[in-house]
Amino acid sequence: MRFHNREDELEELERVWKLCDRGLHFSVISGRRRVGKTELVKQHCKDKDSSYFFVGRKQPTPLLDEFCAIAQADLGQFPRLAKFDDFLDLLLARTGDKRVIVFDEFQNFDYVDRSVFSDFQKVIDRSRGSRTHLIVTGSQASILQRIFSDSKEPLFGRATERYPLRPLDFRAICGMLDDLRVSDSRSKVEWYATFGGMPKYYVLAEEQGLEERDVIAALDSLLFRDFAPLHDEARGILAEEFGAEHKTYFSILEAVALGNCEMSNIADKSGISIKSIGKYLSLLVNEYGFLTHSTPITESRAKSKKGRYFLSDRFMSFWFRYVHRNMSDYEIGNFGRIKAKVRDDFNAFVGSAFEEIARQFLLTIQKPFEFDAIGKWWSRTEEIDLVGMKSGAKEIALFEVKWQDLSLLDAERLLSSIERKKGLVLWGGERRKEHFGIIARSIEGKDGLRSLGIQAYDLDDVMEKLLA
């Protein structure tokens, strides 16, 4: 499969590479497993002298022996050394010409020998003149945060650049699905809703021969069978990240995946006291990145008391919604029962992803006006899928987004619903200019609605603009 997107990241790494003519740069690339950190580094290194070291969870001596053997293969004569600081000193001294040196899964030194972080600090401080781009990657957010952001840690302040690698957006994933010969727009949305923006899942699909297949067939191969490549994916990632407290975090994430978005509801469904839940939610948002915290688009994030929590990873959302809550069936291989539940509920699950795709679409077309902000709105009893605003002109656009095939009657009912709820959205004053819209999988009578001034868009419109 071709390498997709990451043009901005590659351009930034090239910028730093040029700066290495003046001296060493120490870059940290962080991101969840499967997000593409290693592949990004490989792309950066393919036309450069480079050395790559994977930090496995081994005893220090065999790991250092492995590193010395790699250095010898890359650089010629390189002795077997007994200390990491000697290895790092010689590695940087032997590079001579410009070189990229990569340590992948750098946080694993925390398990191998924590003193290696001090070794890196000493060698970096005395090798500033080296024409080296030293890159480390890591996938455990909590450990990386401590290594590089805790003022008591030896590598605090040593990184010259830090790059958090985000999942790919829908547009980029569509390119990967084109490589899989998934051409149907509906199938592309369903794949994205299930596997999200993690490139590795689509590479796995190609490796499993899933070209031209729908997402249910992909799930059969990748998840719903014994020995499936993703059989233990979610549990492995989360157990590694959360350690001894993983059961507590699992309970919280499952509660959110099942639609419990407010703090009190999450506490109730997860069985964690309301006094304790805030700490865990804060860590899941700010340190681990598995949740996002949102407020109604018309309200100040700092002042609003209407905050809601959502899973930020599509595959994790799928796993908690369908697998974790049915783990007894999953463990004994009763995949058919789980797949029946997926089929019954799948359109509702895809709908949440389609809302985000619709938001990207509106930001792309900037209609009916250029948005200052756009997002979900809700009150205690009502909600609107997307509300866009333009402060200077006091214009507001209210959209319902449905992963459904709408009849003209369905569309008219949705518009009536927006009309009924618009007065609850307290923004812009009485003289604001209002626009109304619907975004759906398909809309009967779409052109007629548009002639009445309604912003009516279906999946064909979305794909045409997003993939232009």
Protein backbone atom coordinates (compact mmCIF):
# COMPACT_ATOMS: atom_id res chain seq x y z
CA MET A 1 0.00 0.00 0.00
CA ARG A 2 1.22 3.46 -0.84
CA PHE A 3 2.27 5.91 1.87
CA HIS A 4 -0.60 8.35 2.37
CA ASN A 5 -0.79 11.91 3.64
CA ARG A 6 1.67 13.15 6.32
CA GLU A 7 2.96 15.75 3.86
CA ASP A 8 3.07 18.39 6.59
CA GLU A 9 4.94 16.09 8.96
CA LEU A 10 7.47 15.07 6.30
CA GLU A 11 8.00 18.70 5.35
CA GLU A 12 8.63 19.57 8.99
CA LEU A 13 11.13 16.73 9.42
CA GLU A 14 12.93 17.91 6.27
CA ARG A 15 13.11 21.41 7.73
CA VAL A 16 14.76 20.05 10.85
CA TRP A 17 17.09 17.86 8.78
CA LYS A 18 18.45 20.98 7.06
CA LEU A 19 19.00 22.61 10.46
CA CYS A 20 21.19 19.68 11.46
CA ASP A 21 23.97 21.26 9.35
CA ARG A 22 24.35 23.55 12.37
CA GLY A 23 24.22 20.87 15.04
CA LEU A 24 22.24 18.12 16.69
CA HIS A 25 18.46 18.17 16.82
CA PHE A 26 16.52 15.89 19.16
CA SER A 27 12.95 15.26 17.95
CA VAL A 28 10.22 13.35 19.79
CA ILE A 29 7.41 11.80 17.73
CA SER A 30 4.55 10.52 19.87
CA GLY A 31 1.29 8.82 19.05
CA ARG A 32 -0.78 5.77 19.70
CA ARG A 33 0.22 2.37 18.39
CA ARG A 34 -0.87 1.88 14.77
CA VAL A 35 -0.93 5.62 13.98
CA GLY A 36 2.08 5.37 11.64
CA LYS A 37 5.07 6.71 13.58
CA THR A 38 7.52 4.10 12.28
CA GLU A 39 6.36 4.43 8.68
CA LEU A 40 6.70 8.22 8.87
CA VAL A 41 10.27 7.89 10.09
CA LYS A 42 11.05 5.33 7.37
CA GLN A 43 9.78 7.76 4.73
CA HIS A 44 11.94 10.52 6.19
CA CYS A 45 15.02 8.29 6.22
CA LYS A 46 14.73 6.62 2.82
CA ASP A 47 17.08 9.05 1.04
CA LYS A 48 19.40 9.68 4.00
CA ASP A 49 22.15 7.88 5.91
CA SER A 50 20.35 6.49 8.93
CA SER A 51 20.36 3.93 11.74
CA TYR A 52 17.22 2.44 13.28
CA PHE A 53 17.03 0.87 16.74
CA PHE A 54 13.89 -0.70 18.16
CA VAL A 55 13.82 -0.57 21.96
CA GLY A 56 12.47 -3.98 22.96
CA ARG A 57 11.69 -4.91 26.53
CA LYS A 58 14.82 -6.99 27.00
CA GLN A 59 17.50 -7.16 29.65
CA PRO A 60 20.01 -4.32 29.19
CA THR A 61 22.96 -6.47 28.09
CA PRO A 62 21.29 -8.32 25.17
CA LEU A 63 19.59 -5.12 24.03
CA LEU A 64 22.91 -3.27 23.97
CA ASP A 65 24.55 -6.18 22.13
CA GLU A 66 21.79 -5.94 19.50
CA PHE A 67 22.32 -2.19 19.13
CA CYS A 68 26.09 -2.60 18.74
CA ALA A 69 25.55 -5.19 16.00
CA ILE A 70 23.24 -2.78 14.13
CA ALA A 71 25.77 0.04 14.48
CA GLN A 72 28.53 -2.20 13.14
CA ALA A 73 26.40 -3.13 10.12
CA ASP A 74 25.61 0.54 9.43
CA LEU A 75 28.95 2.17 10.23
CA GLY A 76 31.64 -0.48 9.87
CA GLN A 77 33.87 -1.42 12.79
CA PHE A 78 31.97 -0.90 16.02
CA PRO A 79 33.04 -2.62 19.26
CA ARG A 80 30.80 -4.52 21.67
CA LEU A 81 30.25 -2.12 24.57
CA ALA A 82 29.03 -2.71 28.10
CA LYS A 83 27.50 0.71 28.87
CA PHE A 84 24.78 2.65 27.09
CA ASP A 85 26.49 6.01 27.50
CA ASP A 86 29.65 4.63 25.82
CA PHE A 87 27.49 3.27 23.00
CA LEU A 88 25.70 6.60 22.50
CA ASP A 89 28.93 8.58 22.66
CA LEU A 90 30.60 6.40 20.05
CA LEU A 91 27.48 6.27 17.87
CA LEU A 92 27.31 10.05 17.60
CA ALA A 93 31.08 10.36 17.23
CA ARG A 94 31.20 7.77 14.43
CA THR A 95 28.46 9.27 12.31
CA GLY A 96 30.83 11.76 10.66
CA ASP A 97 28.54 13.01 7.91
CA LYS A 98 24.95 13.96 8.58
CA ARG A 99 22.85 11.08 9.83
CA VAL A 100 19.41 10.27 11.18
CA ILE A 101 19.43 8.06 14.28
CA VAL A 102 16.08 6.62 15.36
CA PHE A 103 15.11 4.93 18.62
CA ASP A 104 11.62 3.47 18.17
CA GLU A 105 9.35 2.91 21.22
CA PHE A 106 11.73 4.96 23.32
CA GLN A 107 9.57 4.71 26.43
CA ASN A 108 10.54 1.03 26.75
CA PHE A 109 13.84 2.13 28.30
CA ASP A 110 11.63 2.78 31.33
CA TYR A 111 11.32 -1.00 31.62
CA VAL A 112 14.85 -1.89 30.46
CA ASP A 113 16.94 0.49 32.54
CA ARG A 114 15.77 3.96 33.57
CA SER A 115 19.35 5.17 33.91
CA VAL A 116 19.54 5.20 30.09
CA PHE A 117 17.54 8.45 30.12
CA SER A 118 20.38 10.05 32.08
CA ASP A 119 22.84 8.59 29.57
CA PHE A 120 20.93 10.24 26.74
CA GLN A 121 20.90 13.54 28.60
CA LYS A 122 24.67 13.53 29.13
CA VAL A 123 25.47 12.51 25.57
CA ILE A 124 23.06 15.05 24.05
CA ASP A 125 24.53 17.85 26.17
CA ARG A 126 28.07 17.11 25.05
CA SER A 127 27.23 16.36 21.38
CA ARG A 128 25.41 19.52 20.39
CA GLY A 129 27.80 20.05 17.50
CA SER A 130 27.04 16.66 15.95
CA ARG A 131 25.31 16.85 12.55
CA THR A 132 22.71 14.37 13.68
CA HIS A 133 18.94 14.25 13.68
CA LEU A 134 18.21 12.12 16.73
CA ILE A 135 14.59 10.97 16.59
CA VAL A 136 12.78 9.01 19.26
CA THR A 137 9.24 7.69 18.93
CA GLY A 138 6.88 6.52 21.64
CA SER A 139 3.36 5.24 22.03
CA GLN A 140 2.70 5.30 25.78
CA ALA A 141 1.45 8.79 26.50
CA SER A 142 1.77 8.68 30.27
CA ILE A 143 5.41 7.59 30.28
CA LEU A 144 6.42 9.98 27.49
CA GLN A 145 4.74 12.82 29.32
CA ARG A 146 6.80 12.08 32.39
CA ILE A 147 10.08 11.57 30.50
CA PHE A 148 9.97 14.87 28.64
CA SER A 149 7.67 17.14 30.69
CA ASP A 150 8.54 16.39 34.30
CA SER A 151 11.14 18.90 35.48
CA LYS A 152 12.66 16.23 37.71
CA GLU A 153 13.46 13.95 34.76
CA PRO A 154 16.92 14.10 33.07
CA LEU A 155 15.49 14.68 29.57
CA PHE A 156 13.26 17.57 30.61
CA GLY A 157 13.88 20.44 28.19
CA ARG A 158 16.25 18.44 25.98
CA ALA A 159 13.90 17.83 23.02
CA THR A 160 14.28 20.49 20.34
CA GLU A 161 11.02 19.43 18.63
CA ARG A 162 7.98 17.47 19.74
CA TYR A 163 5.46 16.10 17.26
CA PRO A 164 2.24 14.44 18.43
CA LEU A 165 1.09 12.31 15.48
CA ARG A 166 -2.68 12.38 14.99
CA PRO A 167 -4.85 9.79 13.25
CA LEU A 168 -5.48 10.42 9.55
CA ASP A 169 -8.64 12.27 8.57
CA PHE A 170 -11.42 10.81 6.45
CA ARG A 171 -10.01 12.25 3.22
CA ALA A 172 -6.66 10.49 3.72
CA ILE A 173 -8.31 7.22 4.73
CA CYS A 174 -10.34 7.32 1.51
CA GLY A 175 -7.02 7.24 -0.35
CA MET A 176 -6.03 4.09 1.51
CA LEU A 177 -9.44 2.56 0.77
CA ASP A 178 -8.90 3.35 -2.91
CA ASP A 179 -5.76 1.21 -2.70
CA LEU A 180 -7.99 -1.53 -1.24
CA ARG A 181 -10.32 -1.00 -4.22
CA VAL A 182 -13.17 -0.02 -1.91
CA SER A 183 -14.89 2.41 -4.26
CA ASP A 184 -18.43 2.67 -2.87
CA SER A 185 -18.92 5.86 -0.85
CA ARG A 186 -21.16 4.20 1.73
CA SER A 187 -18.58 1.48 2.31
CA LYS A 188 -15.85 4.07 2.78
CA VAL A 189 -17.83 5.81 5.52
CA GLU A 190 -18.51 2.46 7.22
CA TRP A 191 -14.84 1.44 7.09
CA TYR A 192 -13.80 4.80 8.55
CA ALA A 193 -16.50 4.64 11.23
CA THR A 194 -15.16 1.25 12.34
CA PHE A 195 -11.38 1.54 11.99
CA GLY A 196 -10.95 5.31 12.18
CA GLY A 197 -7.77 7.06 11.16
CA MET A 198 -5.20 4.42 12.15
CA PRO A 199 -3.25 3.55 8.96
CA LYS A 200 -2.06 0.15 10.21
CA TYR A 201 -5.58 -1.30 10.23
CA TYR A 202 -5.92 -0.66 6.49
CA VAL A 203 -2.47 -2.11 5.84
CA LEU A 204 -3.57 -5.21 7.78
CA ALA A 205 -6.68 -5.38 5.60
CA GLU A 206 -4.50 -5.42 2.50
CA GLU A 207 -2.24 -8.08 4.02
CA GLN A 208 -5.34 -10.22 4.68
CA GLY A 209 -6.49 -9.93 1.06
CA LEU A 210 -9.55 -7.80 1.80
CA GLU A 211 -9.55 -5.77 -1.40
CA GLU A 212 -13.04 -4.91 -2.69
CA ARG A 213 -14.67 -6.19 0.52
CA ASP A 214 -17.17 -4.44 2.75
CA VAL A 215 -16.50 -3.62 6.39
CA ILE A 216 -18.43 -6.63 7.71
CA ALA A 217 -16.15 -8.94 5.73
CA ALA A 218 -13.19 -6.99 7.10
CA LEU A 219 -14.43 -7.50 10.66
CA ASP A 220 -14.86 -11.22 10.02
CA SER A 221 -11.20 -11.47 8.99
CA LEU A 222 -9.56 -8.96 11.31
CA LEU A 223 -11.57 -9.34 14.52
CA PHE A 224 -14.31 -11.97 14.58
CA ARG A 225 -12.37 -15.22 14.34
CA ASP A 226 -9.81 -17.14 16.33
CA PHE A 227 -6.25 -15.95 15.62
CA ALA A 228 -7.55 -12.73 14.04
CA PRO A 229 -4.86 -10.02 13.77
CA LEU A 230 -6.89 -7.63 15.95
CA HIS A 231 -8.17 -10.25 18.38
CA ASP A 232 -6.32 -8.78 21.36
CA GLU A 233 -5.56 -5.36 19.89
CA ALA A 234 -7.68 -3.16 22.14
CA ARG A 235 -7.03 -5.07 25.34
CA GLY A 236 -3.30 -5.10 24.67
CA ILE A 237 -3.06 -1.37 24.04
CA LEU A 238 -5.17 -0.40 27.03
CA ALA A 239 -3.68 -2.87 29.49
CA GLU A 240 -0.19 -1.69 28.58
CA GLU A 241 -1.18 1.96 28.93
CA PHE A 242 -3.18 1.72 32.16
CA GLY A 243 -1.30 -1.02 34.02
CA ALA A 244 -2.75 -2.13 37.33
CA GLU A 245 -5.72 0.26 37.05
CA HIS A 246 -6.83 -0.98 33.65
CA LYS A 247 -10.12 -2.44 34.96
CA THR A 248 -11.18 0.96 36.26
CA TYR A 249 -10.38 2.66 32.98
CA PHE A 250 -12.06 -0.12 31.00
CA SER A 251 -15.27 0.45 32.96
CA ILE A 252 -15.20 4.18 32.22
CA LEU A 253 -14.50 3.75 28.51
CA GLU A 254 -17.23 1.16 28.14
CA ALA A 255 -19.73 3.47 29.85
CA VAL A 256 -18.86 6.30 27.43
CA ALA A 257 -18.96 3.97 24.40
CA LEU A 258 -22.52 3.01 25.35
CA GLY A 259 -23.68 6.62 25.23
CA ASN A 260 -23.14 7.82 28.80
CA CYS A 261 -21.52 11.17 28.13
CA GLU A 262 -22.00 13.22 31.29
CA MET A 263 -19.86 12.83 34.38
CA SER A 264 -22.66 11.70 36.70
CA ASN A 265 -23.91 9.08 34.24
CA ILE A 266 -20.39 7.78 33.62
CA ALA A 267 -19.83 7.44 37.36
CA ASP A 268 -23.11 5.59 37.78
CA LYS A 269 -22.60 3.16 34.89
CA SER A 270 -18.94 2.45 35.67
CA GLY A 271 -19.50 1.96 39.39
CA ILE A 272 -16.97 4.65 40.34
CA SER A 273 -17.87 7.28 42.91
CA ILE A 274 -18.65 10.76 41.66
CA LYS A 275 -15.88 12.07 43.91
CA SER A 276 -13.26 9.96 42.12
CA ILE A 277 -14.49 9.95 38.54
CA GLY A 278 -13.21 13.45 37.73
CA LYS A 279 -9.57 12.43 38.21
CA TYR A 280 -9.89 9.49 35.84
CA LEU A 281 -11.75 11.47 33.21
CA SER A 282 -9.14 14.22 33.31
CA LEU A 283 -6.35 11.68 32.77
CA LEU A 284 -8.23 10.00 29.92
CA VAL A 285 -8.61 13.37 28.18
CA ASN A 286 -5.38 15.20 28.95
CA GLU A 287 -2.79 12.46 29.40
CA TYR A 288 -3.96 9.35 27.58
CA GLY A 289 -6.04 10.97 24.84
CA PHE A 290 -8.70 8.23 24.70
CA LEU A 291 -11.51 10.69 25.48
CA THR A 292 -12.38 14.16 24.28
CA HIS A 293 -14.29 16.66 26.40
CA SER A 294 -16.79 18.88 24.58
CA THR A 295 -19.19 21.65 25.46
CA PRO A 296 -22.07 23.08 23.39
CA ILE A 297 -20.57 25.10 20.54
CA THR A 298 -22.27 28.31 21.71
CA GLU A 299 -20.78 28.16 25.20
CA SER A 300 -17.37 28.93 26.67
CA ARG A 301 -15.44 25.74 27.33
CA ALA A 302 -14.01 27.24 30.51
CA LYS A 303 -17.39 28.34 31.95
CA SER A 304 -19.86 25.75 30.69
CA LYS A 305 -21.25 23.14 33.08
CA LYS A 306 -22.68 21.06 30.24
CA GLY A 307 -19.53 19.14 29.38
CA ARG A 308 -19.76 15.75 27.71
CA TYR A 309 -17.17 13.05 27.10
CA PHE A 310 -16.72 11.07 23.90
CA LEU A 311 -14.35 8.32 22.80
CA SER A 312 -11.79 9.82 20.44
CA ASP A 313 -10.78 6.54 18.72
CA ARG A 314 -13.21 4.85 16.35
CA PHE A 315 -11.86 1.30 16.69
CA MET A 316 -11.86 1.56 20.48
CA SER A 317 -15.43 2.84 20.32
CA PHE A 318 -16.43 -0.18 18.23
CA TRP A 319 -14.58 -2.60 20.50
CA PHE A 320 -16.14 -1.32 23.73
CA ARG A 321 -19.61 -1.10 22.20
CA TYR A 322 -19.69 -4.59 20.72
CA VAL A 323 -16.80 -6.73 22.00
CA HIS A 324 -15.92 -5.74 25.56
CA ARG A 325 -19.53 -5.79 26.75
CA ASN A 326 -19.95 -9.25 25.13
CA MET A 327 -16.59 -10.66 26.18
CA SER A 328 -17.99 -14.02 27.28
CA ASP A 329 -19.25 -14.68 23.76
CA TYR A 330 -16.04 -13.36 22.26
CA GLU A 331 -13.77 -15.55 24.35
CA ILE A 332 -15.60 -18.78 23.49
CA GLY A 333 -15.72 -17.88 19.80
CA ASN A 334 -19.43 -17.15 19.62
CA PHE A 335 -18.79 -14.47 17.04
CA GLY A 336 -22.12 -14.93 15.28
CA ARG A 337 -24.06 -13.62 18.27
CA ILE A 338 -21.87 -10.49 18.43
CA LYS A 339 -22.14 -9.90 14.68
CA ALA A 340 -25.93 -10.06 14.93
CA LYS A 341 -25.79 -7.23 17.47
CA VAL A 342 -23.51 -5.27 15.17
CA ARG A 343 -25.93 -5.66 12.26
CA ASP A 344 -28.90 -4.52 14.36
CA ASP A 345 -27.13 -1.40 15.62
CA PHE A 346 -24.57 -0.55 12.96
CA ASN A 347 -26.32 2.41 11.32
CA ALA A 348 -26.56 4.17 14.70
CA PHE A 349 -22.87 3.50 15.32
CA VAL A 350 -21.84 4.84 11.91
CA GLY A 351 -23.99 7.93 12.47
CA SER A 352 -21.62 9.42 15.04
CA ALA A 353 -18.71 9.16 12.60
CA PHE A 354 -20.84 10.63 9.81
CA GLU A 355 -21.46 13.70 11.96
CA GLU A 356 -17.72 14.36 12.09
CA ILE A 357 -17.42 13.78 8.33
CA ALA A 358 -20.28 16.23 7.81
CA ARG A 359 -18.48 18.78 9.96
CA GLN A 360 -15.34 18.39 7.80
CA PHE A 361 -17.53 18.80 4.71
CA LEU A 362 -19.11 22.06 5.92
CA LEU A 363 -15.71 23.47 6.84
CA THR A 364 -14.55 22.58 3.32
CA ILE A 365 -17.42 24.22 1.43
CA GLN A 366 -17.88 27.12 3.90
CA LYS A 367 -21.61 27.37 3.12
CA PRO A 368 -23.97 29.06 3.73
CA PHE A 369 -21.21 31.36 5.07
CA GLU A 370 -17.64 31.22 6.36
CA PHE A 371 -17.78 29.70 9.82
CA ASP A 372 -16.03 31.12 12.85
CA ALA A 373 -16.95 27.97 14.76
CA ILE A 374 -18.95 24.82 14.11
CA GLY A 375 -19.88 21.92 16.34
CA LYS A 376 -22.58 20.13 18.28
CA TRP A 377 -25.11 21.97 20.46
CA TRP A 378 -27.24 20.61 23.27
CA SER A 379 -29.30 21.62 26.27
CA ARG A 380 -30.66 19.46 29.07
CA THR A 381 -33.46 18.08 26.87
CA GLU A 382 -32.59 18.88 23.24
CA GLU A 383 -29.65 18.74 20.84
CA ILE A 384 -28.75 19.79 17.32
CA ASP A 385 -26.12 17.81 15.42
CA LEU A 386 -24.16 20.75 13.98
CA VAL A 387 -24.40 24.49 14.57
CA GLY A 388 -22.19 26.90 12.67
CA MET A 389 -21.73 30.57 13.54
CA LYS A 390 -20.27 33.75 12.11
CA SER A 391 -19.91 36.25 14.91
CA GLY A 392 -19.34 39.49 13.00
CA ALA A 393 -22.39 39.05 10.78
CA LYS A 394 -24.51 37.38 13.48
CA GLU A 395 -25.32 34.48 11.16
CA ILE A 396 -26.13 30.98 12.40
CA ALA A 397 -26.68 27.69 10.56
CA LEU A 398 -28.43 24.73 12.20
CA PHE A 399 -27.99 21.25 10.67
CA GLU A 400 -29.37 17.80 11.37
CA VAL A 401 -27.07 14.98 10.24
CA LYS A 402 -28.51 11.51 9.64
CA TRP A 403 -26.90 8.33 8.37
CA GLN A 404 -30.19 7.44 6.72
CA ASP A 405 -31.94 7.52 3.35
CA LEU A 406 -34.51 10.27 3.87
CA SER A 407 -37.84 10.56 2.14
CA LEU A 408 -39.15 14.05 1.48
CA LEU A 409 -41.48 13.60 4.46
CA ASP A 410 -38.51 12.61 6.67
CA ALA A 411 -36.64 15.73 5.57
CA GLU A 412 -39.63 17.95 6.29
CA ARG A 413 -39.95 16.47 9.78
CA LEU A 414 -36.28 17.17 10.48
CA LEU A 415 -36.67 20.75 9.33
CA SER A 416 -39.68 21.15 11.60
CA SER A 417 -37.59 19.81 14.46
CA ILE A 418 -34.87 22.39 13.79
CA GLU A 419 -37.47 25.14 13.57
CA ARG A 420 -38.85 24.07 16.95
CA LYS A 421 -35.42 23.97 18.63
CA LYS A 422 -33.85 27.07 17.12
CA GLY A 423 -35.16 29.37 19.85
CA LEU A 424 -33.30 27.35 22.47
CA VAL A 425 -29.95 28.22 20.88
CA LEU A 426 -29.19 31.47 22.67
CA TRP A 427 -26.67 33.15 20.40
CA GLY A 428 -26.61 36.21 18.18
CA GLY A 429 -29.70 37.99 19.45
CA GLU A 430 -33.13 38.44 17.88
CA ARG A 431 -31.80 39.96 14.65
CA ARG A 432 -29.47 37.11 13.76
CA LYS A 433 -29.74 35.64 10.27
CA GLU A 434 -30.73 31.97 10.38
CA HIS A 435 -30.02 29.12 7.94
CA PHE A 436 -31.24 25.54 8.15
CA GLY A 437 -29.86 22.37 6.65
CA ILE A 438 -29.85 18.58 6.44
CA ILE A 439 -26.98 16.25 5.64
CA ALA A 440 -27.92 12.61 5.06
CA ARG A 441 -26.91 9.46 3.21
CA SER A 442 -29.52 10.35 0.59
CA ILE A 443 -32.37 12.89 0.46
CA GLU A 444 -35.43 12.56 -1.73
CA GLY A 445 -36.28 15.91 -3.34
CA LYS A 446 -32.90 17.43 -2.48
CA ASP A 447 -33.01 19.95 -5.34
CA GLY A 448 -36.49 21.09 -4.39
CA LEU A 449 -35.37 21.75 -0.82
CA ARG A 450 -32.45 23.76 -2.10
CA SER A 451 -34.77 25.91 -4.20
CA LEU A 452 -36.47 26.87 -0.92
CA GLY A 453 -33.17 28.03 0.59
CA ILE A 454 -32.51 24.85 2.60
CA GLN A 455 -28.92 23.59 2.78
CA ALA A 456 -29.57 19.99 1.69
CA TYR A 457 -26.60 17.69 1.06
CA ASP A 458 -26.30 13.96 0.59
CA LEU A 459 -23.36 11.56 0.61
CA ASP A 460 -22.60 12.24 -3.06
CA ASP A 461 -22.18 15.94 -2.28
CA VAL A 462 -19.98 15.18 0.72
CA MET A 463 -17.66 12.86 -1.18
CA GLU A 464 -17.42 15.14 -4.21
CA LYS A 465 -16.23 18.09 -2.12
CA LEU A 466 -14.08 16.28 0.42
CA LEU A 467 -12.21 14.25 -2.21
CA ALA A 468 -11.89 16.99 -4.81
